[in-house]
Amino acid sequence: MRKFAASTPEDAVKSTVIARVEGIRNRDINTIKRTIEEENYTKFDDWPPFKRQGLDALKREAEALRVLKEYNYEVSEWKIDIFNDAAVASFIINYNGQIRNRKFYIRSRVSVFLIKRNDEWKIVHEHWSRFPENF
């Protein structure tokens, strides 16, 4: 994972989250894996299955990345709260692209829980929730 000089803990958290999303955009599962705490990782996704997943979420994501033809995103409304060696980042993401021959346009609310391990922020849990269509 490319490291950026973060001037604040909030910047460091944001950098980790952005590196994770950039991993999707670049179809790079190894970058994604470097941003997470594999031992405790869980996720609620905005794509099926809509249940809590563990590392199986990364296996599904790796499969999807193989057929992802394009991916663009825009993140807004950041809020980052630091609690010693834990943090919560929340934001809105608009993302679009094409998987196989199906185009998609999605707007989601995202909350990410991170912990600090060896001076690096690692994602422990992600919760992606789509806005209803036409919202």
Protein backbone atom coordinates (compact mmCIF):
# COMPACT_ATOMS: atom_id res chain seq x y z
CA MET A 1 0.00 0.00 0.00
CA ARG A 2 1.40 3.38 -0.93
CA LYS A 3 1.86 5.49 2.17
CA PHE A 4 1.09 9.17 2.30
CA ALA A 5 2.42 11.54 4.91
CA ALA A 6 -0.63 12.06 7.07
CA SER A 7 -0.62 15.25 9.08
CA THR A 8 -3.35 14.09 11.47
CA PRO A 9 -4.76 10.76 12.65
CA GLU A 10 -7.93 11.62 10.71
CA ASP A 11 -5.86 11.98 7.51
CA ALA A 12 -4.24 8.60 8.18
CA VAL A 13 -7.64 6.93 8.61
CA LYS A 14 -8.95 8.58 5.45
CA SER A 15 -5.84 7.46 3.55
CA THR A 16 -6.47 3.83 4.55
CA VAL A 17 -10.11 3.98 3.48
CA ILE A 18 -9.24 5.63 0.17
CA ALA A 19 -6.51 3.02 -0.45
CA ARG A 20 -9.18 0.34 0.02
CA VAL A 21 -11.52 1.96 -2.53
CA GLU A 22 -8.62 2.59 -4.90
CA GLY A 23 -7.89 -1.14 -4.65
CA ILE A 24 -11.33 -1.74 -6.15
CA ARG A 25 -10.82 0.86 -8.86
CA ASN A 26 -7.42 -0.63 -9.76
CA ARG A 27 -8.73 -4.23 -9.47
CA ASP A 28 -5.98 -4.98 -6.94
CA ILE A 29 -7.09 -7.45 -4.27
CA ASN A 30 -3.63 -7.38 -2.64
CA THR A 31 -3.95 -3.65 -1.94
CA ILE A 32 -7.40 -4.27 -0.49
CA LYS A 33 -6.04 -7.05 1.75
CA ARG A 34 -3.30 -4.77 3.07
CA THR A 35 -5.92 -2.29 4.31
CA ILE A 36 -7.84 -4.78 6.43
CA GLU A 37 -7.30 -6.65 9.69
CA GLU A 38 -7.83 -10.17 8.32
CA GLU A 39 -8.11 -11.82 11.73
CA ASN A 40 -11.27 -9.89 12.69
CA TYR A 41 -12.60 -8.53 9.39
CA THR A 42 -16.36 -8.41 8.75
CA LYS A 43 -18.51 -6.62 6.22
CA PHE A 44 -22.11 -5.81 5.36
CA ASP A 45 -22.09 -5.15 1.61
CA ASP A 46 -24.43 -3.19 -0.63
CA TRP A 47 -24.29 -6.11 -3.11
CA PRO A 48 -25.75 -9.56 -2.38
CA PRO A 49 -25.56 -11.41 -0.14
CA PHE A 50 -26.94 -8.87 2.30
CA LYS A 51 -25.68 -10.64 5.41
CA ARG A 52 -22.63 -10.17 7.57
CA GLN A 53 -19.63 -11.68 5.84
CA GLY A 54 -16.09 -12.42 6.96
CA LEU A 55 -13.11 -13.06 4.72
CA ASP A 56 -15.54 -14.70 2.28
CA ALA A 57 -16.45 -11.12 1.31
CA LEU A 58 -12.91 -10.65 0.00
CA LYS A 59 -13.11 -13.89 -2.00
CA ARG A 60 -16.34 -12.68 -3.63
CA GLU A 61 -14.78 -9.28 -4.26
CA ALA A 62 -11.71 -10.85 -5.89
CA GLU A 63 -14.00 -12.82 -8.22
CA ALA A 64 -15.96 -9.65 -9.09
CA LEU A 65 -12.75 -7.72 -9.77
CA ARG A 66 -11.87 -10.23 -12.50
CA VAL A 67 -14.98 -9.22 -14.48
CA LEU A 68 -15.04 -5.54 -13.51
CA LYS A 69 -14.51 -3.52 -16.68
CA GLU A 70 -14.61 -0.02 -15.23
CA TYR A 71 -15.05 1.64 -11.84
CA ASN A 72 -15.24 5.30 -10.90
CA TYR A 73 -16.19 6.85 -7.61
CA GLU A 74 -16.67 10.07 -5.71
CA VAL A 75 -16.60 10.28 -1.92
CA SER A 76 -18.20 13.10 0.08
CA GLU A 77 -19.49 14.05 3.53
CA TRP A 78 -16.57 12.57 5.46
CA LYS A 79 -16.81 12.26 9.23
CA ILE A 80 -13.94 10.66 11.09
CA ASP A 81 -13.89 10.07 14.83
CA ILE A 82 -10.76 8.83 16.61
CA PHE A 83 -10.95 6.91 19.91
CA ASN A 84 -7.31 6.26 20.90
CA ASP A 85 -6.37 3.23 18.73
CA ALA A 86 -9.83 2.89 17.15
CA ALA A 87 -11.64 5.03 14.60
CA VAL A 88 -14.93 5.27 12.77
CA ALA A 89 -15.04 6.80 9.29
CA SER A 90 -18.35 7.48 7.60
CA PHE A 91 -19.04 8.97 4.19
CA ILE A 92 -21.24 8.93 1.12
CA ILE A 93 -19.91 7.23 -2.00
CA ASN A 94 -21.27 7.50 -5.52
CA TYR A 95 -19.77 4.82 -7.70
CA ASN A 96 -20.40 3.52 -11.16
CA GLY A 97 -18.89 1.22 -13.68
CA GLN A 98 -19.45 -1.95 -15.58
CA ILE A 99 -19.25 -5.56 -14.49
CA ARG A 100 -19.32 -7.91 -17.45
CA ASN A 101 -21.88 -6.17 -19.71
CA ARG A 102 -23.98 -4.66 -16.91
CA LYS A 103 -23.54 -0.98 -16.10
CA PHE A 104 -24.21 0.16 -12.54
CA TYR A 105 -24.71 3.50 -10.79
CA ILE A 106 -24.87 3.28 -7.00
CA ARG A 107 -25.03 5.77 -4.14
CA SER A 108 -24.28 4.33 -0.69
CA ARG A 109 -23.71 5.31 2.89
CA VAL A 110 -20.57 3.72 4.30
CA SER A 111 -19.31 3.28 7.85
CA VAL A 112 -15.87 1.83 8.45
CA PHE A 113 -14.45 0.76 11.82
CA LEU A 114 -10.64 0.72 12.02
CA ILE A 115 -8.03 -0.15 14.63
CA LYS A 116 -4.44 0.99 14.85
CA ARG A 117 -1.93 -1.86 14.64
CA ASN A 118 1.82 -1.19 14.57
CA ASP A 119 1.23 2.48 13.69
CA GLU A 120 -1.02 1.54 10.74
CA TRP A 121 -4.80 1.86 10.53
CA LYS A 122 -6.50 -1.39 9.53
CA ILE A 123 -10.15 -1.90 8.61
CA VAL A 124 -11.99 -4.25 10.95
CA HIS A 125 -15.56 -3.76 9.74
CA GLU A 126 -17.30 -2.11 6.79
CA HIS A 127 -21.00 -1.41 6.40
CA TRP A 128 -22.15 -0.35 2.92
CA SER A 129 -25.82 0.59 2.57
CA ARG A 130 -27.40 1.72 -0.71
CA PHE A 131 -29.67 4.69 -0.85
CA PRO A 132 -33.06 3.77 -2.27
CA GLU A 133 -33.28 4.44 -6.00
CA ASN A 134 -34.55 7.92 -6.93
CA PHE A 135 -33.36 9.30 -3.58
